[in-house]
Full PDB file with SEQRES, HELIX, SHEET, SSBOND, CRYST1, ORIGX, SCALE, CONECT and MASTER records, all heavy atoms in Angstrom:
SEQRES   1 A   33  LEU SER LEU GLY ASP ALA LEU GLY VAL PRO PRO SER ALA          
SEQRES   2 A   33  ALA ALA GLU LEU LEU PRO VAL ILE GLU ALA VAL MET VAL          
SEQRES   3 A   33  ALA LYS LEU ASN GLU GLN MET                                  
HELIX    1 AA1 SER A    2  ALA A    6  1                                   5    
HELIX    2 AA2 PRO A   11  GLN A   32  1                                  22    
CRYST1    1.000    1.000    1.000  90.00  90.00  90.00 P 1           1          
ORIGX1      1.000000  0.000000  0.000000        0.00000                         
ORIGX2      0.000000  1.000000  0.000000        0.00000                         
ORIGX3      0.000000  0.000000  1.000000        0.00000                         
SCALE1      1.000000  0.000000  0.000000        0.00000                         
SCALE2      0.000000  1.000000  0.000000        0.00000                         
SCALE3      0.000000  0.000000  1.000000        0.00000                         
ATOM      1  N   LEU A   1       5.531  18.508  -0.660  1.00  0.00           N  
ATOM      2  CA  LEU A   1       6.260  18.404   0.613  1.00  0.00           C  
ATOM      3  C   LEU A   1       5.320  18.639   1.795  1.00  0.00           C  
ATOM      4  O   LEU A   1       5.415  17.957   2.814  1.00  0.00           O  
ATOM      5  CB  LEU A   1       7.418  19.404   0.650  1.00  0.00           C  
ATOM      6  CG  LEU A   1       8.619  19.048  -0.221  1.00  0.00           C  
ATOM      7  CD1 LEU A   1       9.559  20.245  -0.338  1.00  0.00           C  
ATOM      8  CD2 LEU A   1       9.353  17.838   0.327  1.00  0.00           C  
ATOM      9  N   SER A   2       4.410  19.593   1.650  1.00  0.00           N  
ATOM     10  CA  SER A   2       3.429  19.857   2.713  1.00  0.00           C  
ATOM     11  C   SER A   2       2.509  18.661   2.917  1.00  0.00           C  
ATOM     12  O   SER A   2       2.186  18.299   4.054  1.00  0.00           O  
ATOM     13  CB  SER A   2       2.601  21.095   2.383  1.00  0.00           C  
ATOM     14  OG  SER A   2       3.413  22.236   2.398  1.00  0.00           O  
ATOM     15  N   LEU A   3       2.088  18.051   1.823  1.00  0.00           N  
ATOM     16  CA  LEU A   3       1.239  16.863   1.915  1.00  0.00           C  
ATOM     17  C   LEU A   3       1.991  15.728   2.606  1.00  0.00           C  
ATOM     18  O   LEU A   3       1.450  15.056   3.489  1.00  0.00           O  
ATOM     19  CB  LEU A   3       0.782  16.428   0.536  1.00  0.00           C  
ATOM     20  CG  LEU A   3      -0.084  15.171   0.466  1.00  0.00           C  
ATOM     21  CD1 LEU A   3      -1.362  15.341   1.262  1.00  0.00           C  
ATOM     22  CD2 LEU A   3      -0.401  14.833  -0.980  1.00  0.00           C  
ATOM     23  N   GLY A   4       3.247  15.531   2.205  1.00  0.00           N  
ATOM     24  CA  GLY A   4       4.070  14.502   2.848  1.00  0.00           C  
ATOM     25  C   GLY A   4       4.198  14.748   4.339  1.00  0.00           C  
ATOM     26  O   GLY A   4       4.090  13.825   5.152  1.00  0.00           O  
ATOM     27  N   ASP A   5       4.405  16.013   4.720  1.00  0.00           N  
ATOM     28  CA  ASP A   5       4.516  16.366   6.133  1.00  0.00           C  
ATOM     29  C   ASP A   5       3.225  16.043   6.871  1.00  0.00           C  
ATOM     30  O   ASP A   5       3.241  15.473   7.969  1.00  0.00           O  
ATOM     31  CB  ASP A   5       4.848  17.851   6.262  1.00  0.00           C  
ATOM     32  CG  ASP A   5       5.097  18.272   7.688  1.00  0.00           C  
ATOM     33  OD1 ASP A   5       5.874  17.588   8.396  1.00  0.00           O  
ATOM     34  OD2 ASP A   5       4.517  19.290   8.112  1.00  0.00           O  
ATOM     35  N   ALA A   6       2.096  16.371   6.245  1.00  0.00           N  
ATOM     36  CA  ALA A   6       0.798  16.084   6.865  1.00  0.00           C  
ATOM     37  C   ALA A   6       0.570  14.585   7.028  1.00  0.00           C  
ATOM     38  O   ALA A   6      -0.124  14.156   7.946  1.00  0.00           O  
ATOM     39  CB  ALA A   6      -0.326  16.697   6.035  1.00  0.00           C  
ATOM     40  N   LEU A   7       1.172  13.796   6.142  1.00  0.00           N  
ATOM     41  CA  LEU A   7       1.021  12.337   6.216  1.00  0.00           C  
ATOM     42  C   LEU A   7       2.088  11.682   7.090  1.00  0.00           C  
ATOM     43  O   LEU A   7       2.122  10.464   7.227  1.00  0.00           O  
ATOM     44  CB  LEU A   7       1.074  11.739   4.804  1.00  0.00           C  
ATOM     45  CG  LEU A   7      -0.097  12.109   3.895  1.00  0.00           C  
ATOM     46  CD1 LEU A   7       0.178  11.641   2.471  1.00  0.00           C  
ATOM     47  CD2 LEU A   7      -1.379  11.495   4.421  1.00  0.00           C  
ATOM     48  N   GLY A   8       2.984  12.493   7.651  1.00  0.00           N  
ATOM     49  CA  GLY A   8       4.003  11.966   8.541  1.00  0.00           C  
ATOM     50  C   GLY A   8       5.272  11.488   7.846  1.00  0.00           C  
ATOM     51  O   GLY A   8       6.083  10.793   8.452  1.00  0.00           O  
ATOM     52  N   VAL A   9       5.454  11.859   6.583  1.00  0.00           N  
ATOM     53  CA  VAL A   9       6.664  11.481   5.856  1.00  0.00           C  
ATOM     54  C   VAL A   9       7.778  12.438   6.283  1.00  0.00           C  
ATOM     55  O   VAL A   9       7.591  13.661   6.236  1.00  0.00           O  
ATOM     56  CB  VAL A   9       6.444  11.574   4.330  1.00  0.00           C  
ATOM     57  CG1 VAL A   9       7.723  11.281   3.575  1.00  0.00           C  
ATOM     58  CG2 VAL A   9       5.327  10.646   3.898  1.00  0.00           C  
ATOM     59  N   PRO A  10       8.919  11.920   6.702  1.00  0.00           N  
ATOM     60  CA  PRO A  10      10.021  12.808   7.093  1.00  0.00           C  
ATOM     61  C   PRO A  10      10.425  13.716   5.923  1.00  0.00           C  
ATOM     62  O   PRO A  10      10.528  13.247   4.781  1.00  0.00           O  
ATOM     63  CB  PRO A  10      11.157  11.848   7.446  1.00  0.00           C  
ATOM     64  CG  PRO A  10      10.484  10.544   7.736  1.00  0.00           C  
ATOM     65  CD  PRO A  10       9.261  10.510   6.869  1.00  0.00           C  
ATOM     66  N   PRO A  11      10.626  15.007   6.184  1.00  0.00           N  
ATOM     67  CA  PRO A  11      10.982  15.938   5.110  1.00  0.00           C  
ATOM     68  C   PRO A  11      12.210  15.515   4.311  1.00  0.00           C  
ATOM     69  O   PRO A  11      12.257  15.703   3.092  1.00  0.00           O  
ATOM     70  CB  PRO A  11      11.238  17.255   5.837  1.00  0.00           C  
ATOM     71  CG  PRO A  11      10.472  17.138   7.106  1.00  0.00           C  
ATOM     72  CD  PRO A  11      10.496  15.682   7.471  1.00  0.00           C  
ATOM     73  N   SER A  12      13.197  14.931   4.964  1.00  0.00           N  
ATOM     74  CA  SER A  12      14.400  14.500   4.241  1.00  0.00           C  
ATOM     75  C   SER A  12      14.083  13.383   3.243  1.00  0.00           C  
ATOM     76  O   SER A  12      14.618  13.366   2.132  1.00  0.00           O  
ATOM     77  CB  SER A  12      15.491  14.051   5.216  1.00  0.00           C  
ATOM     78  OG  SER A  12      15.021  12.989   6.026  1.00  0.00           O  
ATOM     79  N   ALA A  13      13.192  12.474   3.623  1.00  0.00           N  
ATOM     80  CA  ALA A  13      12.797  11.398   2.709  1.00  0.00           C  
ATOM     81  C   ALA A  13      11.990  11.960   1.548  1.00  0.00           C  
ATOM     82  O   ALA A  13      12.209  11.593   0.389  1.00  0.00           O  
ATOM     83  CB  ALA A  13      11.984  10.343   3.453  1.00  0.00           C  
ATOM     84  N   ALA A  14      11.067  12.863   1.836  1.00  0.00           N  
ATOM     85  CA  ALA A  14      10.257  13.465   0.779  1.00  0.00           C  
ATOM     86  C   ALA A  14      11.136  14.248  -0.187  1.00  0.00           C  
ATOM     87  O   ALA A  14      10.972  14.145  -1.406  1.00  0.00           O  
ATOM     88  CB  ALA A  14       9.194  14.367   1.383  1.00  0.00           C  
ATOM     89  N   ALA A  15      12.071  15.014   0.330  1.00  0.00           N  
ATOM     90  CA  ALA A  15      12.957  15.806  -0.525  1.00  0.00           C  
ATOM     91  C   ALA A  15      13.821  14.915  -1.414  1.00  0.00           C  
ATOM     92  O   ALA A  15      14.138  15.275  -2.545  1.00  0.00           O  
ATOM     93  CB  ALA A  15      13.839  16.705   0.325  1.00  0.00           C  
ATOM     94  N   GLU A  16      14.166  13.762  -0.922  1.00  0.00           N  
ATOM     95  CA  GLU A  16      14.986  12.814  -1.698  1.00  0.00           C  
ATOM     96  C   GLU A  16      14.153  12.102  -2.766  1.00  0.00           C  
ATOM     97  O   GLU A  16      14.606  11.910  -3.893  1.00  0.00           O  
ATOM     98  CB  GLU A  16      15.585  11.780  -0.737  1.00  0.00           C  
ATOM     99  CG  GLU A  16      16.479  10.765  -1.384  1.00  0.00           C  
ATOM    100  CD  GLU A  16      17.933  11.155  -1.376  1.00  0.00           C  
ATOM    101  OE1 GLU A  16      18.315  12.027  -0.589  1.00  0.00           O  
ATOM    102  OE2 GLU A  16      18.672  10.563  -2.168  1.00  0.00           O  
ATOM    103  N   LEU A  17      12.941  11.712  -2.419  1.00  0.00           N  
ATOM    104  CA  LEU A  17      12.135  10.877  -3.314  1.00  0.00           C  
ATOM    105  C   LEU A  17      11.244  11.645  -4.285  1.00  0.00           C  
ATOM    106  O   LEU A  17      11.016  11.184  -5.409  1.00  0.00           O  
ATOM    107  CB  LEU A  17      11.266   9.940  -2.475  1.00  0.00           C  
ATOM    108  CG  LEU A  17      12.031   8.933  -1.616  1.00  0.00           C  
ATOM    109  CD1 LEU A  17      11.074   8.200  -0.699  1.00  0.00           C  
ATOM    110  CD2 LEU A  17      12.807   7.977  -2.487  1.00  0.00           C  
ATOM    111  N   LEU A  18      10.718  12.780  -3.891  1.00  0.00           N  
ATOM    112  CA  LEU A  18       9.753  13.482  -4.728  1.00  0.00           C  
ATOM    113  C   LEU A  18      10.280  13.867  -6.117  1.00  0.00           C  
ATOM    114  O   LEU A  18       9.558  13.687  -7.102  1.00  0.00           O  
ATOM    115  CB  LEU A  18       9.200  14.709  -4.010  1.00  0.00           C  
ATOM    116  CG  LEU A  18       8.081  14.411  -3.032  1.00  0.00           C  
ATOM    117  CD1 LEU A  18       7.715  15.660  -2.233  1.00  0.00           C  
ATOM    118  CD2 LEU A  18       6.852  13.866  -3.731  1.00  0.00           C  
ATOM    119  N   PRO A  19      11.497  14.375  -6.272  1.00  0.00           N  
ATOM    120  CA  PRO A  19      11.957  14.708  -7.625  1.00  0.00           C  
ATOM    121  C   PRO A  19      12.005  13.499  -8.560  1.00  0.00           C  
ATOM    122  O   PRO A  19      11.674  13.606  -9.745  1.00  0.00           O  
ATOM    123  CB  PRO A  19      13.349  15.297  -7.405  1.00  0.00           C  
ATOM    124  CG  PRO A  19      13.308  15.829  -6.008  1.00  0.00           C  
ATOM    125  CD  PRO A  19      12.434  14.850  -5.254  1.00  0.00           C  
ATOM    126  N   VAL A  20      12.374  12.347  -8.029  1.00  0.00           N  
ATOM    127  CA  VAL A  20      12.433  11.133  -8.850  1.00  0.00           C  
ATOM    128  C   VAL A  20      11.017  10.698  -9.235  1.00  0.00           C  
ATOM    129  O   VAL A  20      10.739  10.385 -10.403  1.00  0.00           O  
ATOM    130  CB  VAL A  20      13.159   9.997  -8.083  1.00  0.00           C  
ATOM    131  CG1 VAL A  20      13.148   8.716  -8.877  1.00  0.00           C  
ATOM    132  CG2 VAL A  20      14.581  10.421  -7.740  1.00  0.00           C  
ATOM    133  N   ILE A  21      10.122  10.696  -8.267  1.00  0.00           N  
ATOM    134  CA  ILE A  21       8.732  10.321  -8.526  1.00  0.00           C  
ATOM    135  C   ILE A  21       8.102  11.297  -9.519  1.00  0.00           C  
ATOM    136  O   ILE A  21       7.412  10.894 -10.454  1.00  0.00           O  
ATOM    137  CB  ILE A  21       7.932  10.284  -7.201  1.00  0.00           C  
ATOM    138  CG1 ILE A  21       8.461   9.172  -6.302  1.00  0.00           C  
ATOM    139  CG2 ILE A  21       6.441  10.128  -7.462  1.00  0.00           C  
ATOM    140  CD1 ILE A  21       7.950   9.250  -4.870  1.00  0.00           C  
ATOM    141  N   GLU A  22       8.369  12.596  -9.329  1.00  0.00           N  
ATOM    142  CA  GLU A  22       7.812  13.611 -10.221  1.00  0.00           C  
ATOM    143  C   GLU A  22       8.255  13.387 -11.666  1.00  0.00           C  
ATOM    144  O   GLU A  22       7.436  13.445 -12.594  1.00  0.00           O  
ATOM    145  CB  GLU A  22       8.244  15.007  -9.774  1.00  0.00           C  
ATOM    146  CG  GLU A  22       7.770  16.092 -10.718  1.00  0.00           C  
ATOM    147  CD  GLU A  22       8.469  17.419 -10.511  1.00  0.00           C  
ATOM    148  OE1 GLU A  22       9.622  17.454 -10.051  1.00  0.00           O  
ATOM    149  OE2 GLU A  22       7.848  18.433 -10.854  1.00  0.00           O  
ATOM    150  N   ALA A  23       9.525  13.125 -11.885  1.00  0.00           N  
ATOM    151  CA  ALA A  23      10.046  12.938 -13.244  1.00  0.00           C  
ATOM    152  C   ALA A  23       9.358  11.768 -13.949  1.00  0.00           C  
ATOM    153  O   ALA A  23       8.970  11.875 -15.118  1.00  0.00           O  
ATOM    154  CB  ALA A  23      11.556  12.721 -13.202  1.00  0.00           C  
ATOM    155  N   VAL A  24       9.189  10.660 -13.240  1.00  0.00           N  
ATOM    156  CA  VAL A  24       8.536   9.483 -13.834  1.00  0.00           C  
ATOM    157  C   VAL A  24       7.065   9.767 -14.111  1.00  0.00           C  
ATOM    158  O   VAL A  24       6.551   9.467 -15.197  1.00  0.00           O  
ATOM    159  CB  VAL A  24       8.700   8.248 -12.922  1.00  0.00           C  
ATOM    160  CG1 VAL A  24       7.869   7.083 -13.420  1.00  0.00           C  
ATOM    161  CG2 VAL A  24      10.174   7.864 -12.818  1.00  0.00           C  
ATOM    162  N   MET A  25       6.375  10.374 -13.157  1.00  0.00           N  
ATOM    163  CA  MET A  25       4.946  10.651 -13.331  1.00  0.00           C  
ATOM    164  C   MET A  25       4.693  11.647 -14.463  1.00  0.00           C  
ATOM    165  O   MET A  25       3.763  11.473 -15.250  1.00  0.00           O  
ATOM    166  CB  MET A  25       4.340  11.173 -12.026  1.00  0.00           C  
ATOM    167  CG  MET A  25       4.222  10.106 -10.958  1.00  0.00           C  
ATOM    168  SD  MET A  25       3.198   8.707 -11.462  1.00  0.00           S  
ATOM    169  CE  MET A  25       1.653   9.490 -11.778  1.00  0.00           C  
ATOM    170  N   VAL A  26       5.516  12.680 -14.583  1.00  0.00           N  
ATOM    171  CA  VAL A  26       5.353  13.651 -15.666  1.00  0.00           C  
ATOM    172  C   VAL A  26       5.547  12.967 -17.013  1.00  0.00           C  
ATOM    173  O   VAL A  26       4.766  13.162 -17.944  1.00  0.00           O  
ATOM    174  CB  VAL A  26       6.319  14.842 -15.483  1.00  0.00           C  
ATOM    175  CG1 VAL A  26       6.423  15.677 -16.751  1.00  0.00           C  
ATOM    176  CG2 VAL A  26       5.865  15.712 -14.317  1.00  0.00           C  
ATOM    177  N   ALA A  27       6.578  12.144 -17.122  1.00  0.00           N  
ATOM    178  CA  ALA A  27       6.830  11.429 -18.378  1.00  0.00           C  
ATOM    179  C   ALA A  27       5.657  10.518 -18.732  1.00  0.00           C  
ATOM    180  O   ALA A  27       5.192  10.494 -19.882  1.00  0.00           O  
ATOM    181  CB  ALA A  27       8.121  10.623 -18.280  1.00  0.00           C  
ATOM    182  N   LYS A  28       5.159   9.779 -17.760  1.00  0.00           N  
ATOM    183  CA  LYS A  28       4.048   8.851 -18.016  1.00  0.00           C  
ATOM    184  C   LYS A  28       2.758   9.586 -18.351  1.00  0.00           C  
ATOM    185  O   LYS A  28       2.014   9.166 -19.240  1.00  0.00           O  
ATOM    186  CB  LYS A  28       3.834   7.915 -16.821  1.00  0.00           C  
ATOM    187  CG  LYS A  28       4.984   6.962 -16.589  1.00  0.00           C  
ATOM    188  CD  LYS A  28       5.170   6.051 -17.774  1.00  0.00           C  
ATOM    189  CE  LYS A  28       6.303   5.089 -17.571  1.00  0.00           C  
ATOM    190  NZ  LYS A  28       6.541   4.252 -18.742  1.00  0.00           N  
ATOM    191  N   LEU A  29       2.469  10.689 -17.658  1.00  0.00           N  
ATOM    192  CA  LEU A  29       1.267  11.466 -17.967  1.00  0.00           C  
ATOM    193  C   LEU A  29       1.336  12.032 -19.377  1.00  0.00           C  
ATOM    194  O   LEU A  29       0.350  12.008 -20.116  1.00  0.00           O  
ATOM    195  CB  LEU A  29       1.091  12.593 -16.952  1.00  0.00           C  
ATOM    196  CG  LEU A  29       0.603  12.183 -15.579  1.00  0.00           C  
ATOM    197  CD1 LEU A  29       0.724  13.345 -14.605  1.00  0.00           C  
ATOM    198  CD2 LEU A  29      -0.843  11.712 -15.652  1.00  0.00           C  
ATOM    199  N   ASN A  30       2.496  12.544 -19.764  1.00  0.00           N  
ATOM    200  CA  ASN A  30       2.639  13.089 -21.118  1.00  0.00           C  
ATOM    201  C   ASN A  30       2.536  12.001 -22.172  1.00  0.00           C  
ATOM    202  O   ASN A  30       1.928  12.208 -23.226  1.00  0.00           O  
ATOM    203  CB  ASN A  30       3.942  13.874 -21.250  1.00  0.00           C  
ATOM    204  CG  ASN A  30       3.854  15.215 -20.540  1.00  0.00           C  
ATOM    205  OD1 ASN A  30       2.808  15.842 -20.502  1.00  0.00           O  
ATOM    206  ND2 ASN A  30       4.960  15.647 -19.978  1.00  0.00           N  
ATOM    207  N   GLU A  31       3.097  10.826 -21.910  1.00  0.00           N  
ATOM    208  CA  GLU A  31       2.955   9.699 -22.837  1.00  0.00           C  
ATOM    209  C   GLU A  31       1.475   9.341 -23.002  1.00  0.00           C  
ATOM    210  O   GLU A  31       1.003   9.120 -24.115  1.00  0.00           O  
ATOM    211  CB  GLU A  31       3.698   8.464 -22.323  1.00  0.00           C  
ATOM    212  CG  GLU A  31       5.189   8.512 -22.468  1.00  0.00           C  
ATOM    213  CD  GLU A  31       5.862   7.300 -21.818  1.00  0.00           C  
ATOM    214  OE1 GLU A  31       5.163   6.289 -21.533  1.00  0.00           O  
ATOM    215  OE2 GLU A  31       7.076   7.372 -21.574  1.00  0.00           O  
ATOM    216  N   GLN A  32       0.770   9.298 -21.895  1.00  0.00           N  
ATOM    217  CA  GLN A  32      -0.643   8.933 -21.930  1.00  0.00           C  
ATOM    218  C   GLN A  32      -1.454   9.975 -22.710  1.00  0.00           C  
ATOM    219  O   GLN A  32      -2.353   9.625 -23.470  1.00  0.00           O  
ATOM    220  CB  GLN A  32      -1.181   8.798 -20.509  1.00  0.00           C  
ATOM    221  CG  GLN A  32      -2.608   8.320 -20.441  1.00  0.00           C  
ATOM    222  CD  GLN A  32      -3.081   8.129 -19.012  1.00  0.00           C  
ATOM    223  OE1 GLN A  32      -2.442   8.583 -18.062  1.00  0.00           O  
ATOM    224  NE2 GLN A  32      -4.202   7.483 -18.843  1.00  0.00           N  
ATOM    225  N   MET A  33      -1.141  11.236 -22.542  1.00  0.00           N  
ATOM    226  CA  MET A  33      -1.879  12.303 -23.236  1.00  0.00           C  
ATOM    227  C   MET A  33      -1.579  12.310 -24.731  1.00  0.00           C  
ATOM    228  O   MET A  33      -2.408  12.767 -25.523  1.00  0.00           O  
ATOM    229  CB  MET A  33      -1.559  13.660 -22.635  1.00  0.00           C  
ATOM    230  CG  MET A  33      -2.162  13.816 -21.259  1.00  0.00           C  
ATOM    231  SD  MET A  33      -2.095  15.464 -20.519  1.00  0.00           S  
ATOM    232  CE  MET A  33      -0.509  16.070 -20.903  1.00  0.00           C  
TER     233      MET A  33                                                      
MASTER        0    0    0    2    0    0    0    6  232    1    0    3          
END                                                                             
């Protein structure tokens, strides 16, 4: 969220999108490992 803020991403958008992005990235990283 801090990184998003530094990049100018509205906090409401980051809060909405980050959990979804995190879930997909964690699944893909674990599959790759």
